[in-house]
PDB file of N, CA and C in Angstrom:
ATOM      1  N   UNK A   1      15.393  22.580  -5.421  1.00  0.00           N
ATOM      2  CA  UNK A   1      15.521  21.579  -4.380  1.00  0.00           C
ATOM      3  C   UNK A   1      14.288  21.549  -3.475  1.00  0.00           C
ATOM      4  N   UNK A   2      13.786  22.714  -3.117  1.00  0.00           N
ATOM      5  CA  UNK A   2      12.646  22.773  -2.213  1.00  0.00           C
ATOM      6  C   UNK A   2      11.355  23.159  -2.933  1.00  0.00           C
ATOM      7  N   UNK A   3      11.300  22.932  -4.252  1.00  0.00           N
ATOM      8  CA  UNK A   3      10.095  23.274  -5.004  1.00  0.00           C
ATOM      9  C   UNK A   3       8.900  22.466  -4.533  1.00  0.00           C
ATOM     10  N   UNK A   4       9.119  21.222  -4.152  1.00  0.00           N
ATOM     11  CA  UNK A   4       8.013  20.369  -3.708  1.00  0.00           C
ATOM     12  C   UNK A   4       7.405  20.903  -2.428  1.00  0.00           C
ATOM     13  N   UNK A   5       8.211  21.521  -1.559  1.00  0.00           N
ATOM     14  CA  UNK A   5       7.690  22.088  -0.312  1.00  0.00           C
ATOM     15  C   UNK A   5       6.764  23.263  -0.633  1.00  0.00           C
ATOM     16  N   UNK A   6       7.200  24.116  -1.567  1.00  0.00           N
ATOM     17  CA  UNK A   6       6.377  25.256  -1.968  1.00  0.00           C
ATOM     18  C   UNK A   6       5.059  24.775  -2.574  1.00  0.00           C
ATOM     19  N   UNK A   7       5.116  23.771  -3.450  1.00  0.00           N
ATOM     20  CA  UNK A   7       3.899  23.234  -4.069  1.00  0.00           C
ATOM     21  C   UNK A   7       2.989  22.601  -3.025  1.00  0.00           C
ATOM     22  N   UNK A   8       3.567  21.931  -2.049  1.00  0.00           N
ATOM     23  CA  UNK A   8       2.793  21.298  -0.987  1.00  0.00           C
ATOM     24  C   UNK A   8       2.007  22.339  -0.190  1.00  0.00           C
ATOM     25  N   UNK A   9       2.689  23.415   0.233  1.00  0.00           N
ATOM     26  CA  UNK A   9       2.021  24.449   1.017  1.00  0.00           C
ATOM     27  C   UNK A   9       1.023  25.244   0.184  1.00  0.00           C
ATOM     28  N   UNK A  10       1.305  25.429  -1.106  1.00  0.00           N
ATOM     29  CA  UNK A  10       0.350  26.088  -1.980  1.00  0.00           C
ATOM     30  C   UNK A  10      -0.901  25.236  -2.124  1.00  0.00           C
ATOM     31  N   UNK A  11      -0.742  23.921  -2.219  1.00  0.00           N
ATOM     32  CA  UNK A  11      -1.885  23.013  -2.283  1.00  0.00           C
ATOM     33  C   UNK A  11      -2.741  23.076  -1.029  1.00  0.00           C
ATOM     34  N   UNK A  12      -2.104  23.136   0.133  1.00  0.00           N
ATOM     35  CA  UNK A  12      -2.838  23.249   1.400  1.00  0.00           C
ATOM     36  C   UNK A  12      -3.585  24.583   1.456  1.00  0.00           C
ATOM     37  N   UNK A  13      -2.928  25.652   1.025  1.00  0.00           N
ATOM     38  CA  UNK A  13      -3.552  26.979   1.007  1.00  0.00           C
ATOM     39  C   UNK A  13      -4.791  26.978   0.116  1.00  0.00           C
ATOM     40  N   UNK A  14      -4.685  26.368  -1.061  1.00  0.00           N
ATOM     41  CA  UNK A  14      -5.829  26.295  -1.975  1.00  0.00           C
ATOM     42  C   UNK A  14      -6.945  25.433  -1.398  1.00  0.00           C
ATOM     43  N   UNK A  15      -6.599  24.356  -0.704  1.00  0.00           N
ATOM     44  CA  UNK A  15      -7.614  23.487  -0.096  1.00  0.00           C
ATOM     45  C   UNK A  15      -8.419  24.261   0.942  1.00  0.00           C
ATOM     46  N   UNK A  16      -7.744  25.030   1.795  1.00  0.00           N
ATOM     47  CA  UNK A  16      -8.443  25.828   2.802  1.00  0.00           C
ATOM     48  C   UNK A  16      -9.304  26.915   2.160  1.00  0.00           C
ATOM     49  N   UNK A  17      -8.809  27.515   1.076  1.00  0.00           N
ATOM     50  CA  UNK A  17      -9.579  28.536   0.372  1.00  0.00           C
ATOM     51  C   UNK A  17     -10.843  27.930  -0.244  1.00  0.00           C
ATOM     52  N   UNK A  18     -10.729  26.769  -0.883  1.00  0.00           N
ATOM     53  CA  UNK A  18     -11.905  26.094  -1.441  1.00  0.00           C
ATOM     54  C   UNK A  18     -12.908  25.744  -0.351  1.00  0.00           C
ATOM     55  N   UNK A  19     -12.403  25.301   0.785  1.00  0.00           N
ATOM     56  CA  UNK A  19     -13.284  24.964   1.911  1.00  0.00           C
ATOM     57  C   UNK A  19     -14.049  26.194   2.390  1.00  0.00           C
ATOM     58  N   UNK A  20     -13.356  27.321   2.491  1.00  0.00           N
ATOM     59  CA  UNK A  20     -13.993  28.570   2.922  1.00  0.00           C
ATOM     60  C   UNK A  20     -15.057  29.015   1.919  1.00  0.00           C
ATOM     61  N   UNK A  21     -14.736  28.931   0.642  1.00  0.00           N
ATOM     62  CA  UNK A  21     -15.689  29.345  -0.401  1.00  0.00           C
ATOM     63  C   UNK A  21     -16.890  28.412  -0.425  1.00  0.00           C
ATOM     64  N   UNK A  22     -16.670  27.112  -0.300  1.00  0.00           N
ATOM     65  CA  UNK A  22     -17.788  26.171  -0.305  1.00  0.00           C
ATOM     66  C   UNK A  22     -18.696  26.362   0.905  1.00  0.00           C
ATOM     67  N   UNK A  23     -18.150  26.819   2.020  1.00  0.00           N
ATOM     68  CA  UNK A  23     -18.975  27.153   3.180  1.00  0.00           C
ATOM     69  C   UNK A  23     -19.898  28.330   2.846  1.00  0.00           C
ATOM     70  N   UNK A  24     -19.363  29.323   2.124  1.00  0.00           N
ATOM     71  CA  UNK A  24     -20.189  30.456   1.689  1.00  0.00           C
ATOM     72  C   UNK A  24     -21.259  30.021   0.682  1.00  0.00           C
ATOM     73  N   UNK A  25     -20.937  29.062  -0.165  1.00  0.00           N
ATOM     74  CA  UNK A  25     -21.840  28.645  -1.246  1.00  0.00           C
ATOM     75  C   UNK A  25     -22.904  27.647  -0.813  1.00  0.00           C
ATOM     76  N   UNK A  26     -22.724  27.004   0.319  1.00  0.00           N
ATOM     77  CA  UNK A  26     -23.638  25.934   0.747  1.00  0.00           C
ATOM     78  C   UNK A  26     -25.108  26.363   0.772  1.00  0.00           C
ATOM     79  N   UNK A  27     -25.458  27.539   1.314  1.00  0.00           N
ATOM     80  CA  UNK A  27     -26.883  27.922   1.324  1.00  0.00           C
ATOM     81  C   UNK A  27     -27.486  28.110  -0.070  1.00  0.00           C
ATOM     82  N   UNK A  28     -26.647  28.344  -1.074  1.00  0.00           N
ATOM     83  CA  UNK A  28     -27.142  28.594  -2.434  1.00  0.00           C
ATOM     84  C   UNK A  28     -27.201  27.320  -3.284  1.00  0.00           C
ATOM     85  N   UNK A  29     -26.658  26.225  -2.793  1.00  0.00           N
ATOM     86  CA  UNK A  29     -26.643  24.984  -3.561  1.00  0.00           C
ATOM     87  C   UNK A  29     -25.618  24.982  -4.675  1.00  0.00           C
ATOM     88  N   UNK A  30     -24.559  25.767  -4.532  1.00  0.00           N
ATOM     89  CA  UNK A  30     -23.493  25.843  -5.538  1.00  0.00           C
ATOM     90  C   UNK A  30     -22.247  25.146  -5.001  1.00  0.00           C
ATOM     91  N   UNK A  31     -21.263  24.948  -5.880  1.00  0.00           N
ATOM     92  CA  UNK A  31     -20.046  24.237  -5.490  1.00  0.00           C
ATOM     93  C   UNK A  31     -18.837  24.861  -6.169  1.00  0.00           C
ATOM     94  N   UNK A  32     -17.812  25.173  -5.379  1.00  0.00           N
ATOM     95  CA  UNK A  32     -16.531  25.611  -5.938  1.00  0.00           C
ATOM     96  C   UNK A  32     -15.751  24.361  -6.290  1.00  0.00           C
ATOM     97  N   UNK A  33     -15.354  24.244  -7.566  1.00  0.00           N
ATOM     98  CA  UNK A  33     -14.733  23.007  -8.027  1.00  0.00           C
ATOM     99  C   UNK A  33     -13.228  23.097  -8.185  1.00  0.00           C
ATOM    100  N   UNK A  34     -12.664  24.286  -8.178  1.00  0.00           N
ATOM    101  CA  UNK A  34     -11.217  24.374  -8.330  1.00  0.00           C
ATOM    102  C   UNK A  34     -10.697  25.787  -8.285  1.00  0.00           C
ATOM    103  N   UNK A  35      -9.392  25.875  -8.097  1.00  0.00           N
ATOM    104  CA  UNK A  35      -8.683  27.145  -8.098  1.00  0.00           C
ATOM    105  C   UNK A  35      -7.957  27.250  -9.431  1.00  0.00           C
ATOM    106  N   UNK A  36      -8.095  28.374 -10.081  1.00  0.00           N
ATOM    107  CA  UNK A  36      -7.506  28.564 -11.400  1.00  0.00           C
ATOM    108  C   UNK A  36      -6.294  29.492 -11.307  1.00  0.00           C
ATOM    109  N   UNK A  37      -5.947  30.066 -12.394  1.00  0.00           N
ATOM    110  CA  UNK A  37      -4.799  30.952 -12.488  1.00  0.00           C
ATOM    111  C   UNK A  37      -4.920  32.163 -11.574  1.00  0.00           C
ATOM    112  N   UNK A  38      -3.782  32.680 -11.183  1.00  0.00           N
ATOM    113  CA  UNK A  38      -3.768  33.923 -10.417  1.00  0.00           C
ATOM    114  C   UNK A  38      -3.963  35.078 -11.390  1.00  0.00           C
ATOM    115  N   UNK A  39      -4.665  36.102 -10.950  1.00  0.00           N
ATOM    116  CA  UNK A  39      -4.870  37.269 -11.802  1.00  0.00           C
ATOM    117  C   UNK A  39      -4.844  38.529 -10.956  1.00  0.00           C
ATOM    118  N   UNK A  40      -4.618  39.648 -11.629  1.00  0.00           N
ATOM    119  CA  UNK A  40      -4.574  40.937 -10.950  1.00  0.00           C
ATOM    120  C   UNK A  40      -5.994  41.453 -10.811  1.00  0.00           C
ATOM    121  N   UNK A  41      -6.320  41.904  -9.624  1.00  0.00           N
ATOM    122  CA  UNK A  41      -7.616  42.507  -9.355  1.00  0.00           C
ATOM    123  C   UNK A  41      -7.412  43.762  -8.541  1.00  0.00           C
ATOM    124  N   UNK A  42      -8.496  44.413  -8.189  1.00  0.00           N
ATOM    125  CA  UNK A  42      -8.400  45.596  -7.335  1.00  0.00           C
ATOM    126  C   UNK A  42      -9.357  45.456  -6.169  1.00  0.00           C
ATOM    127  N   UNK A  43      -8.904  45.910  -5.026  1.00  0.00           N
ATOM    128  CA  UNK A  43      -9.738  46.003  -3.838  1.00  0.00           C
ATOM    129  C   UNK A  43      -9.459  47.367  -3.235  1.00  0.00           C
ATOM    130  N   UNK A  44     -10.458  48.217  -3.308  1.00  0.00           N
ATOM    131  CA  UNK A  44     -10.239  49.596  -2.882  1.00  0.00           C
ATOM    132  C   UNK A  44      -9.342  50.290  -3.896  1.00  0.00           C
ATOM    133  N   UNK A  45      -8.283  50.904  -3.423  1.00  0.00           N
ATOM    134  CA  UNK A  45      -7.335  51.583  -4.314  1.00  0.00           C
ATOM    135  C   UNK A  45      -6.097  50.738  -4.590  1.00  0.00           C
ATOM    136  N   UNK A  46      -6.062  49.533  -4.082  1.00  0.00           N
ATOM    137  CA  UNK A  46      -4.864  48.697  -4.211  1.00  0.00           C
ATOM    138  C   UNK A  46      -5.064  47.582  -5.239  1.00  0.00           C
ATOM    139  N   UNK A  47      -3.963  47.162  -5.839  1.00  0.00           N
ATOM    140  CA  UNK A  47      -3.987  46.006  -6.730  1.00  0.00           C
ATOM    141  C   UNK A  47      -3.730  44.748  -5.905  1.00  0.00           C
ATOM    142  N   UNK A  48      -4.374  43.674  -6.309  1.00  0.00           N
ATOM    143  CA  UNK A  48      -4.187  42.395  -5.625  1.00  0.00           C
ATOM    144  C   UNK A  48      -3.793  41.331  -6.642  1.00  0.00           C
ATOM    145  N   UNK A  49      -3.158  40.299  -6.203  1.00  0.00           N
ATOM    146  CA  UNK A  49      -2.750  39.182  -7.049  1.00  0.00           C
ATOM    147  C   UNK A  49      -3.238  37.904  -6.375  1.00  0.00           C
ATOM    148  N   UNK A  50      -4.497  37.578  -6.604  1.00  0.00           N
ATOM    149  CA  UNK A  50      -5.140  36.436  -5.976  1.00  0.00           C
ATOM    150  C   UNK A  50      -5.582  35.432  -7.031  1.00  0.00           C
ATOM    151  N   UNK A  51      -5.869  34.211  -6.620  1.00  0.00           N
ATOM    152  CA  UNK A  51      -6.332  33.215  -7.587  1.00  0.00           C
ATOM    153  C   UNK A  51      -7.780  33.445  -7.994  1.00  0.00           C
ATOM    154  N   UNK A  52      -8.150  32.823  -9.092  1.00  0.00           N
ATOM    155  CA  UNK A  52      -9.548  32.787  -9.526  1.00  0.00           C
ATOM    156  C   UNK A  52     -10.132  31.468  -9.044  1.00  0.00           C
ATOM    157  N   UNK A  53     -11.427  31.434  -8.844  1.00  0.00           N
ATOM    158  CA  UNK A  53     -12.079  30.207  -8.398  1.00  0.00           C
ATOM    159  C   UNK A  53     -13.139  29.818  -9.427  1.00  0.00           C
ATOM    160  N   UNK A  54     -13.263  28.519  -9.657  1.00  0.00           N
ATOM    161  CA  UNK A  54     -14.257  27.996 -10.592  1.00  0.00           C
ATOM    162  C   UNK A  54     -15.451  27.526  -9.769  1.00  0.00           C
ATOM    163  N   UNK A  55     -16.643  28.046 -10.103  1.00  0.00           N
ATOM    164  CA  UNK A  55     -17.853  27.725  -9.344  1.00  0.00           C
ATOM    165  C   UNK A  55     -18.893  27.119 -10.281  1.00  0.00           C
ATOM    166  N   UNK A  56     -19.498  26.032  -9.833  1.00  0.00           N
ATOM    167  CA  UNK A  56     -20.604  25.400 -10.569  1.00  0.00           C
ATOM    168  C   UNK A  56     -21.899  25.935  -9.972  1.00  0.00           C
ATOM    169  N   UNK A  57     -22.587  26.786 -10.740  1.00  0.00           N
ATOM    170  CA  UNK A  57     -23.847  27.366 -10.305  1.00  0.00           C
ATOM    171  C   UNK A  57     -25.009  26.493 -10.761  1.00  0.00           C
ATOM    172  N   UNK A  58     -26.135  26.619 -10.098  1.00  0.00           N
ATOM    173  CA  UNK A  58     -27.349  25.908 -10.491  1.00  0.00           C
ATOM    174  C   UNK A  58     -27.859  26.460 -11.815  1.00  0.00           C
ATOM    175  N   UNK A  59     -28.415  25.587 -12.644  1.00  0.00           N
ATOM    176  CA  UNK A  59     -28.944  26.020 -13.947  1.00  0.00           C
ATOM    177  C   UNK A  59     -30.110  26.979 -13.809  1.00  0.00           C
ATOM    178  N   UNK A  60     -30.810  26.930 -12.699  1.00  0.00           N
ATOM    179  CA  UNK A  60     -32.034  27.708 -12.530  1.00  0.00           C
ATOM    180  C   UNK A  60     -31.811  29.053 -11.860  1.00  0.00           C
ATOM    181  N   UNK A  61     -30.554  29.466 -11.699  1.00  0.00           N
ATOM    182  CA  UNK A  61     -30.270  30.753 -11.068  1.00  0.00           C
ATOM    183  C   UNK A  61     -30.311  31.873 -12.100  1.00  0.00           C
ATOM    184  N   UNK A  62     -30.793  33.010 -11.652  1.00  0.00           N
ATOM    185  CA  UNK A  62     -30.810  34.175 -12.534  1.00  0.00           C
ATOM    186  C   UNK A  62     -29.429  34.830 -12.537  1.00  0.00           C
ATOM    187  N   UNK A  63     -29.215  35.696 -13.516  1.00  0.00           N
ATOM    188  CA  UNK A  63     -27.956  36.419 -13.593  1.00  0.00           C
ATOM    189  C   UNK A  63     -27.739  37.271 -12.350  1.00  0.00           C
ATOM    190  N   UNK A  64     -28.795  37.853 -11.825  1.00  0.00           N
ATOM    191  CA  UNK A  64     -28.689  38.700 -10.631  1.00  0.00           C
ATOM    192  C   UNK A  64     -28.225  37.890  -9.427  1.00  0.00           C
ATOM    193  N   UNK A  65     -28.740  36.664  -9.264  1.00  0.00           N
ATOM    194  CA  UNK A  65     -28.318  35.796  -8.158  1.00  0.00           C
ATOM    195  C   UNK A  65     -26.848  35.402  -8.310  1.00  0.00           C
ATOM    196  N   UNK A  66     -26.450  35.032  -9.507  1.00  0.00           N
ATOM    197  CA  UNK A  66     -25.056  34.646  -9.762  1.00  0.00           C
ATOM    198  C   UNK A  66     -24.127  35.819  -9.503  1.00  0.00           C
ATOM    199  N   UNK A  67     -24.528  37.011  -9.937  1.00  0.00           N
ATOM    200  CA  UNK A  67     -23.726  38.207  -9.723  1.00  0.00           C
ATOM    201  C   UNK A  67     -23.567  38.513  -8.232  1.00  0.00           C
ATOM    202  N   UNK A  68     -24.653  38.395  -7.474  1.00  0.00           N
ATOM    203  CA  UNK A  68     -24.602  38.663  -6.029  1.00  0.00           C
ATOM    204  C   UNK A  68     -23.692  37.655  -5.314  1.00  0.00           C
ATOM    205  N   UNK A  69     -23.778  36.394  -5.692  1.00  0.00           N
ATOM    206  CA  UNK A  69     -22.935  35.357  -5.083  1.00  0.00           C
ATOM    207  C   UNK A  69     -21.469  35.601  -5.436  1.00  0.00           C
ATOM    208  N   UNK A  70     -21.183  35.945  -6.695  1.00  0.00           N
ATOM    209  CA  UNK A  70     -19.810  36.235  -7.123  1.00  0.00           C
ATOM    210  C   UNK A  70     -19.229  37.410  -6.343  1.00  0.00           C
ATOM    211  N   UNK A  71     -20.027  38.454  -6.164  1.00  0.00           N
ATOM    212  CA  UNK A  71     -19.567  39.605  -5.380  1.00  0.00           C
ATOM    213  C   UNK A  71     -19.294  39.219  -3.936  1.00  0.00           C
ATOM    214  N   UNK A  72     -20.144  38.377  -3.362  1.00  0.00           N
ATOM    215  CA  UNK A  72     -19.934  37.931  -1.983  1.00  0.00           C
ATOM    216  C   UNK A  72     -18.626  37.157  -1.850  1.00  0.00           C
ATOM    217  N   UNK A  73     -18.333  36.301  -2.814  1.00  0.00           N
ATOM    218  CA  UNK A  73     -17.094  35.518  -2.768  1.00  0.00           C
ATOM    219  C   UNK A  73     -15.879  36.431  -2.833  1.00  0.00           C
ATOM    220  N   UNK A  74     -15.876  37.372  -3.784  1.00  0.00           N
ATOM    221  CA  UNK A  74     -14.698  38.245  -3.928  1.00  0.00           C
ATOM    222  C   UNK A  74     -14.558  39.224  -2.763  1.00  0.00           C
ATOM    223  N   UNK A  75     -15.667  39.599  -2.133  1.00  0.00           N
ATOM    224  CA  UNK A  75     -15.591  40.530  -1.005  1.00  0.00           C
ATOM    225  C   UNK A  75     -15.185  39.855   0.302  1.00  0.00           C
ATOM    226  N   UNK A  76     -15.515  38.574   0.470  1.00  0.00           N
ATOM    227  CA  UNK A  76     -15.271  37.905   1.749  1.00  0.00           C
ATOM    228  C   UNK A  76     -14.065  36.966   1.751  1.00  0.00           C
ATOM    229  N   UNK A  77     -13.474  36.714   0.587  1.00  0.00           N
ATOM    230  CA  UNK A  77     -12.319  35.808   0.517  1.00  0.00           C
ATOM    231  C   UNK A  77     -11.209  36.450  -0.296  1.00  0.00           C
ATOM    232  N   UNK A  78     -10.080  35.777  -0.358  1.00  0.00           N
ATOM    233  CA  UNK A  78      -8.947  36.272  -1.151  1.00  0.00           C
ATOM    234  C   UNK A  78      -8.979  35.644  -2.537  1.00  0.00           C
ATOM    235  N   UNK A  79      -9.988  36.054  -3.304  1.00  0.00           N
ATOM    236  CA  UNK A  79     -10.176  35.597  -4.673  1.00  0.00           C
ATOM    237  C   UNK A  79     -10.366  36.828  -5.540  1.00  0.00           C
ATOM    238  N   UNK A  80      -9.695  36.859  -6.704  1.00  0.00           N
ATOM    239  CA  UNK A  80      -9.828  38.037  -7.565  1.00  0.00           C
ATOM    240  C   UNK A  80     -10.934  37.888  -8.597  1.00  0.00           C
ATOM    241  N   UNK A  81     -11.237  36.660  -9.017  1.00  0.00           N
ATOM    242  CA  UNK A  81     -12.253  36.438 -10.040  1.00  0.00           C
ATOM    243  C   UNK A  81     -13.040  35.166  -9.735  1.00  0.00           C
ATOM    244  N   UNK A  82     -14.300  35.161 -10.152  1.00  0.00           N
ATOM    245  CA  UNK A  82     -15.142  33.970 -10.044  1.00  0.00           C
ATOM    246  C   UNK A  82     -15.484  33.541 -11.465  1.00  0.00           C
ATOM    247  N   UNK A  83     -15.087  32.328 -11.814  1.00  0.00           N
ATOM    248  CA  UNK A  83     -15.362  31.780 -13.142  1.00  0.00           C
ATOM    249  C   UNK A  83     -16.545  30.831 -13.042  1.00  0.00           C
ATOM    250  N   UNK A  84     -17.439  30.899 -14.013  1.00  0.00           N
ATOM    251  CA  UNK A  84     -18.640  30.077 -13.979  1.00  0.00           C
ATOM    252  C   UNK A  84     -18.433  28.817 -14.810  1.00  0.00           C
ATOM    253  N   UNK A  85     -18.645  27.669 -14.179  1.00  0.00           N
ATOM    254  CA  UNK A  85     -18.567  26.398 -14.896  1.00  0.00           C
ATOM    255  C   UNK A  85     -19.920  26.143 -15.552  1.00  0.00           C
ATOM    256  N   UNK A  86     -19.893  25.915 -16.833  1.00  0.00           N
ATOM    257  CA  UNK A  86     -21.131  25.663 -17.564  1.00  0.00           C
ATOM    258  C   UNK A  86     -21.160  24.198 -17.965  1.00  0.00           C
ATOM    259  N   UNK A  87     -22.118  23.474 -17.410  1.00  0.00           N
ATOM    260  CA  UNK A  87     -22.262  22.053 -17.709  1.00  0.00           C
ATOM    261  C   UNK A  87     -23.710  21.668 -17.453  1.00  0.00           C
ATOM    262  N   UNK A  88     -24.264  20.808 -18.276  1.00  0.00           N
ATOM    263  CA  UNK A  88     -25.637  20.360 -18.019  1.00  0.00           C
ATOM    264  C   UNK A  88     -25.715  19.528 -16.752  1.00  0.00           C
ATOM    265  N   UNK A  89     -26.867  19.582 -16.075  1.00  0.00           N
ATOM    266  CA  UNK A  89     -27.000  18.834 -14.834  1.00  0.00           C
ATOM    267  C   UNK A  89     -27.150  17.349 -15.093  1.00  0.00           C
ATOM    268  N   UNK A  90     -27.700  16.971 -16.260  1.00  0.00           N
ATOM    269  CA  UNK A  90     -27.813  15.558 -16.586  1.00  0.00           C
ATOM    270  C   UNK A  90     -27.615  15.368 -18.082  1.00  0.00           C
ATOM    271  N   UNK A  91     -27.079  14.243 -18.432  1.00  0.00           N
ATOM    272  CA  UNK A  91     -26.823  13.934 -19.838  1.00  0.00           C
ATOM    273  C   UNK A  91     -28.080  13.305 -20.422  1.00  0.00           C
ATOM    274  N   UNK A  92     -28.538  13.842 -21.540  1.00  0.00           N
ATOM    275  CA  UNK A  92     -29.780  13.364 -22.131  1.00  0.00           C
ATOM    276  C   UNK A  92     -29.586  12.137 -23.001  1.00  0.00           C
ATOM    277  N   UNK A  93     -28.353  11.896 -23.412  1.00  0.00           N
ATOM    278  CA  UNK A  93     -28.083  10.720 -24.241  1.00  0.00           C
ATOM    279  C   UNK A  93     -28.263  10.977 -25.722  1.00  0.00           C
ATOM    280  N   UNK A  94     -28.676  12.180 -26.103  1.00  0.00           N
ATOM    281  CA  UNK A  94     -28.862  12.494 -27.523  1.00  0.00           C
ATOM    282  C   UNK A  94     -27.506  12.716 -28.187  1.00  0.00           C
ATOM    283  N   UNK A  95     -27.437  12.382 -29.441  1.00  0.00           N
ATOM    284  CA  UNK A  95     -26.215  12.631 -30.202  1.00  0.00           C
ATOM    285  C   UNK A  95     -25.167  11.558 -30.050  1.00  0.00           C
ATOM    286  N   UNK A  96     -25.520  10.422 -29.471  1.00  0.00           N
ATOM    287  CA  UNK A  96     -24.546   9.326 -29.314  1.00  0.00           C
ATOM    288  C   UNK A  96     -24.536   8.444 -30.506  1.00  0.00           C
TER     289      UNK A  96
END
């Protein structure tokens, strides 16, 4: 009966989380595009059950930069995993 209320508040919670993550990502030129499945992670000695976030990183970033940004997101927000979106920045038109 009240499932829609739970979904509504979960949607608001995810919107605020995406906003917080995108504020962290703004200096790097990256974008958090969505919240994915919840997964078990660890923080300190405790287990956590937080969502994963999908982030679109710049093509020109090194692995070290991506790793540092991912660590910053998981350390400063309630996210257990950072998933990398892989997509070309522009379509070349080949193969059509």
